[in-house]
Amino acid sequence: MLDDLTYDDSESPAIGLVPPGVPWAAVEDHIKIAHHPLLVPLADGGEYVGAYWAGTRLVVAEDLGPDQDEAVAEFREFLREHGEA
């Protein structure tokens, strides 16, 4: 489990903000246990992706952009469109 997450809970659903440098395997493990959406900065530092647990699988929302605030808003919209909010 990832211990040092902050959350954007300004709207529903709350989204965990993964700090830079966290390995993807740790993100996967966290989601399998906690089942809440996470915003993850990619290793190259250019873009964010969203990740969440849907039933029995991990789903990744790609291309959310380089700005964290905009990525949170886009990921939240993605979750709503897919019935996850």
Protein backbone atom coordinates (compact mmCIF):
# COMPACT_ATOMS: atom_id res chain seq x y z
CA MET A 1 0.00 0.00 0.00
CA LEU A 2 1.10 3.55 -0.75
CA ASP A 3 1.26 5.48 2.50
CA ASP A 4 2.15 9.03 1.50
CA LEU A 5 -0.70 9.85 -0.85
CA THR A 6 -2.48 13.16 -0.87
CA TYR A 7 -6.02 13.35 -2.19
CA ASP A 8 -7.93 15.78 -4.34
CA ASP A 9 -11.35 15.58 -2.72
CA SER A 10 -12.66 18.93 -3.94
CA GLU A 11 -15.28 16.96 -5.90
CA SER A 12 -16.47 13.38 -6.00
CA PRO A 13 -14.83 10.99 -6.44
CA ALA A 14 -11.73 11.67 -4.37
CA ILE A 15 -8.58 10.91 -6.37
CA GLY A 16 -5.30 9.84 -4.83
CA LEU A 17 -2.27 11.75 -6.13
CA VAL A 18 0.73 9.47 -6.52
CA PRO A 19 4.06 11.24 -5.98
CA PRO A 20 6.67 11.13 -8.76
CA GLY A 21 9.02 8.15 -8.76
CA VAL A 22 6.62 5.52 -7.41
CA PRO A 23 7.05 2.28 -9.39
CA TRP A 24 4.06 1.16 -11.48
CA ALA A 25 4.02 -2.20 -9.65
CA ALA A 26 3.39 -0.33 -6.36
CA VAL A 27 0.49 1.57 -7.98
CA GLU A 28 -1.04 -1.70 -9.22
CA ASP A 29 -0.69 -3.34 -5.80
CA HIS A 30 -2.29 -0.36 -4.08
CA ILE A 31 -5.28 -0.28 -6.43
CA LYS A 32 -5.86 -4.03 -6.09
CA ILE A 33 -6.22 -3.57 -2.33
CA ALA A 34 -7.71 -0.08 -1.91
CA HIS A 35 -9.87 0.06 -5.09
CA HIS A 36 -9.86 3.87 -5.28
CA PRO A 37 -8.76 5.94 -8.29
CA LEU A 38 -5.20 7.24 -8.51
CA LEU A 39 -3.60 9.91 -10.69
CA VAL A 40 -0.09 8.79 -11.63
CA PRO A 41 2.70 10.87 -13.18
CA LEU A 42 4.51 8.91 -15.88
CA ALA A 43 8.21 8.25 -15.41
CA ASP A 44 9.20 10.60 -18.22
CA GLY A 45 7.55 13.46 -16.32
CA GLY A 46 5.46 14.65 -19.23
CA GLU A 47 1.98 13.25 -18.74
CA TYR A 48 -0.44 11.90 -16.17
CA VAL A 49 -2.54 8.76 -16.37
CA GLY A 50 -5.44 7.72 -14.20
CA ALA A 51 -5.79 4.23 -12.82
CA TYR A 52 -8.70 2.53 -11.06
CA TRP A 53 -10.10 -0.90 -10.27
CA ALA A 54 -13.17 -1.96 -12.27
CA GLY A 55 -14.62 -5.23 -11.04
CA THR A 56 -11.76 -7.65 -11.61
CA ARG A 57 -9.26 -5.58 -13.58
CA LEU A 58 -7.11 -2.50 -13.52
CA VAL A 59 -8.20 0.20 -15.97
CA VAL A 60 -5.86 2.98 -17.13
CA ALA A 61 -7.07 6.31 -18.53
CA GLU A 62 -4.22 7.62 -20.67
CA ASP A 63 -3.30 11.02 -22.09
CA LEU A 64 -4.66 13.19 -19.28
CA GLY A 65 -2.09 15.89 -19.99
CA PRO A 66 0.92 17.41 -18.22
CA ASP A 67 -0.93 19.71 -15.78
CA GLN A 68 -1.97 17.98 -12.55
CA ASP A 69 -5.12 20.06 -11.94
CA GLU A 70 -6.35 19.57 -15.50
CA ALA A 71 -5.48 15.86 -15.34
CA VAL A 72 -7.55 15.47 -12.15
CA ALA A 73 -10.54 17.16 -13.82
CA GLU A 74 -10.21 15.03 -16.97
CA PHE A 75 -9.82 11.83 -14.96
CA ARG A 76 -12.88 12.67 -12.86
CA GLU A 77 -14.88 13.22 -16.05
CA PHE A 78 -13.56 9.91 -17.45
CA LEU A 79 -14.70 8.12 -14.28
CA ARG A 80 -18.16 9.68 -14.51
CA GLU A 81 -18.50 8.73 -18.17
CA HIS A 82 -17.62 5.14 -17.31
CA GLY A 83 -20.00 4.89 -14.34
CA GLU A 84 -17.22 4.86 -11.75
CA ALA A 85 -18.22 8.01 -9.86
